[in-house]
All heavy atoms as atom14 arrays in JSON, in Angstrom:
{
  "sequence": "EAYRLVPRALLTPASVLLPLTEAGLSVGLFVPASRA",
  "atom14_mask": [
    [1, 1, 1, 1, 1, 1, 1, 1, 1, 0, 0, 0, 0, 0],
    [1, 1, 1, 1, 1, 0, 0, 0, 0, 0, 0, 0, 0, 0],
    [1, 1, 1, 1, 1, 1, 1, 1, 1, 1, 1, 1, 0, 0],
    [1, 1, 1, 1, 1, 1, 1, 1, 1, 1, 1, 0, 0, 0],
    [1, 1, 1, 1, 1, 1, 1, 1, 0, 0, 0, 0, 0, 0],
    [1, 1, 1, 1, 1, 1, 1, 0, 0, 0, 0, 0, 0, 0],
    [1, 1, 1, 1, 1, 1, 1, 0, 0, 0, 0, 0, 0, 0],
    [1, 1, 1, 1, 1, 1, 1, 1, 1, 1, 1, 0, 0, 0],
    [1, 1, 1, 1, 1, 0, 0, 0, 0, 0, 0, 0, 0, 0],
    [1, 1, 1, 1, 1, 1, 1, 1, 0, 0, 0, 0, 0, 0],
    [1, 1, 1, 1, 1, 1, 1, 1, 0, 0, 0, 0, 0, 0],
    [1, 1, 1, 1, 1, 1, 1, 0, 0, 0, 0, 0, 0, 0],
    [1, 1, 1, 1, 1, 1, 1, 0, 0, 0, 0, 0, 0, 0],
    [1, 1, 1, 1, 1, 0, 0, 0, 0, 0, 0, 0, 0, 0],
    [1, 1, 1, 1, 1, 1, 0, 0, 0, 0, 0, 0, 0, 0],
    [1, 1, 1, 1, 1, 1, 1, 0, 0, 0, 0, 0, 0, 0],
    [1, 1, 1, 1, 1, 1, 1, 1, 0, 0, 0, 0, 0, 0],
    [1, 1, 1, 1, 1, 1, 1, 1, 0, 0, 0, 0, 0, 0],
    [1, 1, 1, 1, 1, 1, 1, 0, 0, 0, 0, 0, 0, 0],
    [1, 1, 1, 1, 1, 1, 1, 1, 0, 0, 0, 0, 0, 0],
    [1, 1, 1, 1, 1, 1, 1, 0, 0, 0, 0, 0, 0, 0],
    [1, 1, 1, 1, 1, 1, 1, 1, 1, 0, 0, 0, 0, 0],
    [1, 1, 1, 1, 1, 0, 0, 0, 0, 0, 0, 0, 0, 0],
    [1, 1, 1, 1, 0, 0, 0, 0, 0, 0, 0, 0, 0, 0],
    [1, 1, 1, 1, 1, 1, 1, 1, 0, 0, 0, 0, 0, 0],
    [1, 1, 1, 1, 1, 1, 0, 0, 0, 0, 0, 0, 0, 0],
    [1, 1, 1, 1, 1, 1, 1, 0, 0, 0, 0, 0, 0, 0],
    [1, 1, 1, 1, 0, 0, 0, 0, 0, 0, 0, 0, 0, 0],
    [1, 1, 1, 1, 1, 1, 1, 1, 0, 0, 0, 0, 0, 0],
    [1, 1, 1, 1, 1, 1, 1, 1, 1, 1, 1, 0, 0, 0],
    [1, 1, 1, 1, 1, 1, 1, 0, 0, 0, 0, 0, 0, 0],
    [1, 1, 1, 1, 1, 1, 1, 0, 0, 0, 0, 0, 0, 0],
    [1, 1, 1, 1, 1, 0, 0, 0, 0, 0, 0, 0, 0, 0],
    [1, 1, 1, 1, 1, 1, 0, 0, 0, 0, 0, 0, 0, 0],
    [1, 1, 1, 1, 1, 1, 1, 1, 1, 1, 1, 0, 0, 0],
    [1, 1, 1, 1, 1, 0, 0, 0, 0, 0, 0, 0, 0, 0]
  ],
  "atom14_positions": [
    [[-30.41, 73.28, -5.31], [-31.13, 72.83, -4.19], [-30.47, 71.76, -3.38], [-30.49, 71.68, -2.2], [-32.52, 72.33, -4.64], [-33.39, 71.92, -3.5], [-34.83, 71.52, -4.09], [-34.99, 71.35, -5.26], [-35.83, 71.54, -3.25], [0.0, 0.0, 0.0], [0.0, 0.0, 0.0], [0.0, 0.0, 0.0], [0.0, 0.0, 0.0], [0.0, 0.0, 0.0]],
    [[-29.8, 70.82, -4.1], [-29.06, 69.73, -3.45], [-27.86, 70.19, -2.53], [-27.57, 69.52, -1.57], [-28.52, 68.76, -4.53], [0.0, 0.0, 0.0], [0.0, 0.0, 0.0], [0.0, 0.0, 0.0], [0.0, 0.0, 0.0], [0.0, 0.0, 0.0], [0.0, 0.0, 0.0], [0.0, 0.0, 0.0], [0.0, 0.0, 0.0], [0.0, 0.0, 0.0]],
    [[-27.42, 71.43, -2.91], [-26.31, 71.95, -2.07], [-26.79, 72.41, -0.64], [-26.05, 72.54, 0.28], [-25.69, 73.23, -2.75], [-24.45, 72.78, -3.67], [-24.7, 72.25, -4.95], [-23.22, 72.85, -3.16], [-23.71, 71.95, -5.8], [-22.04, 72.55, -4.01], [-22.44, 72.11, -5.26], [-21.27, 71.73, -6.07], [0.0, 0.0, 0.0], [0.0, 0.0, 0.0]],
    [[-28.11, 72.61, -0.5], [-28.77, 73.1, 0.82], [-28.09, 74.28, 1.37], [-28.07, 74.47, 2.53], [-28.54, 71.94, 1.74], [-29.34, 70.68, 1.31], [-29.16, 69.62, 2.44], [-29.72, 68.41, 2.03], [-29.42, 67.22, 2.74], [-28.71, 67.26, 3.87], [-29.92, 66.05, 2.31], [0.0, 0.0, 0.0], [0.0, 0.0, 0.0], [0.0, 0.0, 0.0]],
    [[-27.73, 75.26, 0.48], [-27.19, 76.52, 0.95], [-28.02, 77.73, 0.54], [-27.9, 78.81, 1.14], [-25.8, 76.7, 0.42], [-24.74, 75.74, 1.01], [-23.4, 75.84, 0.25], [-24.53, 75.92, 2.46], [0.0, 0.0, 0.0], [0.0, 0.0, 0.0], [0.0, 0.0, 0.0], [0.0, 0.0, 0.0], [0.0, 0.0, 0.0], [0.0, 0.0, 0.0]],
    [[-28.92, 77.49, -0.35], [-29.8, 78.59, -0.86], [-31.2, 78.34, -0.37], [-31.72, 77.25, -0.52], [-29.73, 78.66, -2.42], [-30.74, 79.77, -2.96], [-28.43, 78.9, -2.97], [0.0, 0.0, 0.0], [0.0, 0.0, 0.0], [0.0, 0.0, 0.0], [0.0, 0.0, 0.0], [0.0, 0.0, 0.0], [0.0, 0.0, 0.0], [0.0, 0.0, 0.0]],
    [[-31.74, 79.37, 0.33], [-33.17, 79.13, 0.73], [-34.11, 78.8, -0.38], [-34.0, 79.24, -1.56], [-33.52, 80.52, 1.34], [-32.26, 81.24, 1.61], [-31.25, 80.66, 0.61], [0.0, 0.0, 0.0], [0.0, 0.0, 0.0], [0.0, 0.0, 0.0], [0.0, 0.0, 0.0], [0.0, 0.0, 0.0], [0.0, 0.0, 0.0], [0.0, 0.0, 0.0]],
    [[-35.06, 77.91, -0.13], [-35.94, 77.43, -1.18], [-36.63, 78.6, -1.92], [-36.76, 78.48, -3.2], [-37.01, 76.6, -0.54], [-38.01, 75.85, -1.55], [-38.85, 74.85, -0.88], [-38.31, 73.7, -0.26], [-37.8, 72.7, -0.99], [-38.03, 72.63, -2.28], [-37.31, 71.67, -0.42], [0.0, 0.0, 0.0], [0.0, 0.0, 0.0], [0.0, 0.0, 0.0]],
    [[-37.02, 79.61, -1.34], [-37.71, 80.75, -2.06], [-36.69, 81.44, -2.99], [-37.22, 82.14, -3.96], [-38.24, 81.84, -0.98], [0.0, 0.0, 0.0], [0.0, 0.0, 0.0], [0.0, 0.0, 0.0], [0.0, 0.0, 0.0], [0.0, 0.0, 0.0], [0.0, 0.0, 0.0], [0.0, 0.0, 0.0], [0.0, 0.0, 0.0], [0.0, 0.0, 0.0]],
    [[-35.43, 81.32, -2.83], [-34.43, 82.01, -3.73], [-33.89, 80.99, -4.74], [-32.96, 81.48, -5.52], [-33.35, 82.59, -2.87], [-33.87, 83.73, -1.9], [-32.63, 84.17, -1.07], [-34.46, 84.82, -2.63], [0.0, 0.0, 0.0], [0.0, 0.0, 0.0], [0.0, 0.0, 0.0], [0.0, 0.0, 0.0], [0.0, 0.0, 0.0], [0.0, 0.0, 0.0]],
    [[-34.23, 79.8, -4.79], [-33.66, 78.9, -5.67], [-33.88, 79.17, -7.16], [-32.92, 79.22, -7.96], [-34.22, 77.49, -5.38], [-33.6, 76.67, -4.22], [-34.31, 75.4, -3.98], [-32.1, 76.42, -4.5], [0.0, 0.0, 0.0], [0.0, 0.0, 0.0], [0.0, 0.0, 0.0], [0.0, 0.0, 0.0], [0.0, 0.0, 0.0], [0.0, 0.0, 0.0]],
    [[-35.11, 79.54, -7.51], [-35.38, 79.88, -8.96], [-34.64, 81.18, -9.39], [-34.02, 81.23, -10.38], [-36.95, 80.01, -9.22], [-37.36, 78.74, -8.89], [-37.23, 80.41, -10.59], [0.0, 0.0, 0.0], [0.0, 0.0, 0.0], [0.0, 0.0, 0.0], [0.0, 0.0, 0.0], [0.0, 0.0, 0.0], [0.0, 0.0, 0.0], [0.0, 0.0, 0.0]],
    [[-34.7, 82.26, -8.55], [-34.01, 83.48, -8.93], [-32.45, 83.17, -8.96], [-31.75, 83.71, -9.93], [-34.27, 84.48, -7.84], [-35.54, 84.03, -7.14], [-35.57, 82.52, -7.34], [0.0, 0.0, 0.0], [0.0, 0.0, 0.0], [0.0, 0.0, 0.0], [0.0, 0.0, 0.0], [0.0, 0.0, 0.0], [0.0, 0.0, 0.0], [0.0, 0.0, 0.0]],
    [[-31.96, 82.45, -7.94], [-30.49, 82.13, -8.07], [-30.14, 81.37, -9.28], [-29.1, 81.54, -9.82], [-30.14, 81.41, -6.72], [0.0, 0.0, 0.0], [0.0, 0.0, 0.0], [0.0, 0.0, 0.0], [0.0, 0.0, 0.0], [0.0, 0.0, 0.0], [0.0, 0.0, 0.0], [0.0, 0.0, 0.0], [0.0, 0.0, 0.0], [0.0, 0.0, 0.0]],
    [[-31.03, 80.44, -9.59], [-30.63, 79.58, -10.8], [-30.57, 80.36, -12.1], [-29.92, 79.99, -13.06], [-31.54, 78.31, -10.88], [-32.9, 78.69, -11.2], [0.0, 0.0, 0.0], [0.0, 0.0, 0.0], [0.0, 0.0, 0.0], [0.0, 0.0, 0.0], [0.0, 0.0, 0.0], [0.0, 0.0, 0.0], [0.0, 0.0, 0.0], [0.0, 0.0, 0.0]],
    [[-31.35, 81.48, -12.12], [-31.27, 82.32, -13.22], [-30.21, 83.35, -13.11], [-29.43, 83.67, -14.08], [-32.62, 83.12, -13.45], [-32.59, 84.19, -14.57], [-33.67, 82.06, -13.68], [0.0, 0.0, 0.0], [0.0, 0.0, 0.0], [0.0, 0.0, 0.0], [0.0, 0.0, 0.0], [0.0, 0.0, 0.0], [0.0, 0.0, 0.0], [0.0, 0.0, 0.0]],
    [[-29.98, 83.88, -11.97], [-28.91, 84.97, -11.71], [-27.52, 84.47, -11.83], [-26.57, 85.16, -12.3], [-29.11, 85.71, -10.41], [-30.38, 86.67, -10.4], [-30.56, 87.14, -8.98], [-30.16, 87.73, -11.38], [0.0, 0.0, 0.0], [0.0, 0.0, 0.0], [0.0, 0.0, 0.0], [0.0, 0.0, 0.0], [0.0, 0.0, 0.0], [0.0, 0.0, 0.0]],
    [[-27.3, 83.27, -11.36], [-25.83, 82.79, -11.37], [-25.33, 82.68, -12.87], [-24.2, 83.24, -13.13], [-25.71, 81.47, -10.68], [-25.53, 81.56, -9.16], [-25.61, 80.26, -8.41], [-24.26, 82.29, -8.85], [0.0, 0.0, 0.0], [0.0, 0.0, 0.0], [0.0, 0.0, 0.0], [0.0, 0.0, 0.0], [0.0, 0.0, 0.0], [0.0, 0.0, 0.0]],
    [[-25.98, 82.07, -13.78], [-25.49, 82.02, -15.16], [-25.34, 83.39, -15.91], [-24.41, 83.72, -16.52], [-26.39, 81.15, -15.91], [-27.48, 80.64, -15.05], [-27.23, 81.12, -13.63], [0.0, 0.0, 0.0], [0.0, 0.0, 0.0], [0.0, 0.0, 0.0], [0.0, 0.0, 0.0], [0.0, 0.0, 0.0], [0.0, 0.0, 0.0], [0.0, 0.0, 0.0]],
    [[-26.32, 84.18, -15.46], [-26.28, 85.66, -15.95], [-25.1, 86.34, -15.31], [-24.39, 87.09, -16.13], [-27.58, 86.39, -15.63], [-28.78, 86.04, -16.45], [-29.99, 86.74, -15.96], [-28.59, 86.23, -17.97], [0.0, 0.0, 0.0], [0.0, 0.0, 0.0], [0.0, 0.0, 0.0], [0.0, 0.0, 0.0], [0.0, 0.0, 0.0], [0.0, 0.0, 0.0]],
    [[-24.85, 86.05, -14.1], [-23.66, 86.69, -13.45], [-22.4, 86.26, -14.08], [-21.48, 87.09, -14.4], [-23.76, 86.47, -12.03], [-24.91, 87.08, -11.4], [-22.45, 87.05, -11.29], [0.0, 0.0, 0.0], [0.0, 0.0, 0.0], [0.0, 0.0, 0.0], [0.0, 0.0, 0.0], [0.0, 0.0, 0.0], [0.0, 0.0, 0.0], [0.0, 0.0, 0.0]],
    [[-22.2, 84.89, -14.31], [-21.04, 84.38, -14.87], [-20.74, 84.94, -16.23], [-19.6, 85.37, -16.55], [-21.07, 82.94, -14.9], [-21.03, 82.25, -13.68], [-21.15, 80.67, -13.75], [-21.71, 80.17, -14.76], [-20.76, 79.98, -12.81], [0.0, 0.0, 0.0], [0.0, 0.0, 0.0], [0.0, 0.0, 0.0], [0.0, 0.0, 0.0], [0.0, 0.0, 0.0]],
    [[-21.83, 85.02, -17.06], [-21.64, 85.55, -18.51], [-21.38, 87.01, -18.43], [-20.54, 87.54, -19.08], [-22.96, 85.36, -19.26], [0.0, 0.0, 0.0], [0.0, 0.0, 0.0], [0.0, 0.0, 0.0], [0.0, 0.0, 0.0], [0.0, 0.0, 0.0], [0.0, 0.0, 0.0], [0.0, 0.0, 0.0], [0.0, 0.0, 0.0], [0.0, 0.0, 0.0]],
    [[-22.03, 87.81, -17.48], [-21.84, 89.24, -17.44], [-20.42, 89.52, -16.9], [-19.74, 90.49, -17.39], [0.0, 0.0, 0.0], [0.0, 0.0, 0.0], [0.0, 0.0, 0.0], [0.0, 0.0, 0.0], [0.0, 0.0, 0.0], [0.0, 0.0, 0.0], [0.0, 0.0, 0.0], [0.0, 0.0, 0.0], [0.0, 0.0, 0.0], [0.0, 0.0, 0.0]],
    [[-19.95, 88.91, -15.99], [-18.61, 89.09, -15.46], [-17.56, 88.78, -16.57], [-16.54, 89.44, -16.74], [-18.36, 88.29, -14.2], [-19.12, 88.74, -12.98], [-18.84, 87.71, -11.81], [-18.76, 90.18, -12.57], [0.0, 0.0, 0.0], [0.0, 0.0, 0.0], [0.0, 0.0, 0.0], [0.0, 0.0, 0.0], [0.0, 0.0, 0.0], [0.0, 0.0, 0.0]],
    [[-17.82, 87.72, -17.24], [-16.87, 87.36, -18.39], [-16.8, 88.44, -19.46], [-15.69, 88.77, -19.81], [-17.39, 86.03, -18.98], [-16.62, 85.7, -20.09], [0.0, 0.0, 0.0], [0.0, 0.0, 0.0], [0.0, 0.0, 0.0], [0.0, 0.0, 0.0], [0.0, 0.0, 0.0], [0.0, 0.0, 0.0], [0.0, 0.0, 0.0], [0.0, 0.0, 0.0]],
    [[-17.92, 88.96, -19.81], [-18.0, 90.03, -20.8], [-17.36, 91.31, -20.19], [-16.58, 92.0, -20.83], [-19.36, 90.21, -21.33], [-19.5, 91.45, -22.21], [-19.89, 89.02, -22.05], [0.0, 0.0, 0.0], [0.0, 0.0, 0.0], [0.0, 0.0, 0.0], [0.0, 0.0, 0.0], [0.0, 0.0, 0.0], [0.0, 0.0, 0.0], [0.0, 0.0, 0.0]],
    [[-17.69, 91.51, -18.96], [-17.09, 92.68, -18.3], [-15.65, 92.82, -18.25], [-14.99, 93.85, -18.13], [0.0, 0.0, 0.0], [0.0, 0.0, 0.0], [0.0, 0.0, 0.0], [0.0, 0.0, 0.0], [0.0, 0.0, 0.0], [0.0, 0.0, 0.0], [0.0, 0.0, 0.0], [0.0, 0.0, 0.0], [0.0, 0.0, 0.0], [0.0, 0.0, 0.0]],
    [[-14.98, 91.67, -18.2], [-13.46, 91.61, -18.22], [-12.9, 92.4, -19.43], [-11.74, 92.83, -19.41], [-12.95, 90.22, -18.1], [-12.98, 89.43, -16.86], [-12.53, 88.01, -17.06], [-12.13, 90.2, -15.87], [0.0, 0.0, 0.0], [0.0, 0.0, 0.0], [0.0, 0.0, 0.0], [0.0, 0.0, 0.0], [0.0, 0.0, 0.0], [0.0, 0.0, 0.0]],
    [[-13.64, 92.39, -20.6], [-13.1, 92.9, -21.8], [-13.39, 94.56, -21.8], [-12.76, 95.14, -22.6], [-13.82, 92.35, -22.96], [-13.43, 90.96, -23.27], [-14.18, 89.89, -22.75], [-12.22, 90.65, -23.89], [-13.8, 88.57, -22.98], [-11.87, 89.33, -24.15], [-12.66, 88.33, -23.64], [0.0, 0.0, 0.0], [0.0, 0.0, 0.0], [0.0, 0.0, 0.0]],
    [[-14.09, 94.97, -20.85], [-14.36, 96.5, -20.72], [-13.42, 97.06, -19.78], [-13.48, 96.78, -18.55], [-15.87, 96.71, -20.4], [-16.13, 98.19, -20.35], [-16.74, 96.08, -21.36], [0.0, 0.0, 0.0], [0.0, 0.0, 0.0], [0.0, 0.0, 0.0], [0.0, 0.0, 0.0], [0.0, 0.0, 0.0], [0.0, 0.0, 0.0], [0.0, 0.0, 0.0]],
    [[-12.55, 97.92, -20.12], [-11.58, 98.54, -19.29], [-12.1, 99.16, -18.0], [-11.64, 98.98, -16.9], [-10.71, 99.54, -20.11], [-10.83, 99.03, -21.47], [-12.22, 98.37, -21.49], [0.0, 0.0, 0.0], [0.0, 0.0, 0.0], [0.0, 0.0, 0.0], [0.0, 0.0, 0.0], [0.0, 0.0, 0.0], [0.0, 0.0, 0.0], [0.0, 0.0, 0.0]],
    [[-13.29, 99.83, -18.19], [-13.92, 100.51, -16.97], [-14.44, 99.56, -16.02], [-14.58, 99.91, -14.75], [-15.01, 101.45, -17.53], [0.0, 0.0, 0.0], [0.0, 0.0, 0.0], [0.0, 0.0, 0.0], [0.0, 0.0, 0.0], [0.0, 0.0, 0.0], [0.0, 0.0, 0.0], [0.0, 0.0, 0.0], [0.0, 0.0, 0.0], [0.0, 0.0, 0.0]],
    [[-14.73, 98.33, -16.42], [-15.33, 97.35, -15.32], [-14.36, 96.24, -15.1], [-14.73, 95.31, -14.35], [-16.66, 96.8, -15.92], [-16.48, 96.08, -17.15], [0.0, 0.0, 0.0], [0.0, 0.0, 0.0], [0.0, 0.0, 0.0], [0.0, 0.0, 0.0], [0.0, 0.0, 0.0], [0.0, 0.0, 0.0], [0.0, 0.0, 0.0], [0.0, 0.0, 0.0]],
    [[-13.33, 96.19, -15.74], [-12.34, 94.9, -15.65], [-12.01, 94.7, -14.23], [-12.05, 93.53, -13.84], [-11.03, 95.24, -16.47], [-10.12, 94.1, -16.56], [-8.9, 94.36, -17.42], [-9.33, 94.51, -18.74], [-8.91, 95.62, -19.52], [-8.2, 96.51, -19.0], [-9.32, 95.57, -20.81], [0.0, 0.0, 0.0], [0.0, 0.0, 0.0], [0.0, 0.0, 0.0]],
    [[-11.49, 95.72, -13.44], [-11.06, 95.37, -12.1], [-12.25, 94.9, -11.25], [-12.01, 93.88, -10.49], [-10.45, 96.71, -11.48], [0.0, 0.0, 0.0], [0.0, 0.0, 0.0], [0.0, 0.0, 0.0], [0.0, 0.0, 0.0], [0.0, 0.0, 0.0], [0.0, 0.0, 0.0], [0.0, 0.0, 0.0], [0.0, 0.0, 0.0], [0.0, 0.0, 0.0]]
  ]
}
């Protein structure tokens, strides 16, 4: 919220999705089909 770049209505979903995205992308690097 302090960054003032995410609309207020999307702050809660974004705060959940960003860590899930980081974790998912990290794990996906180990899978040859999704690595690129």
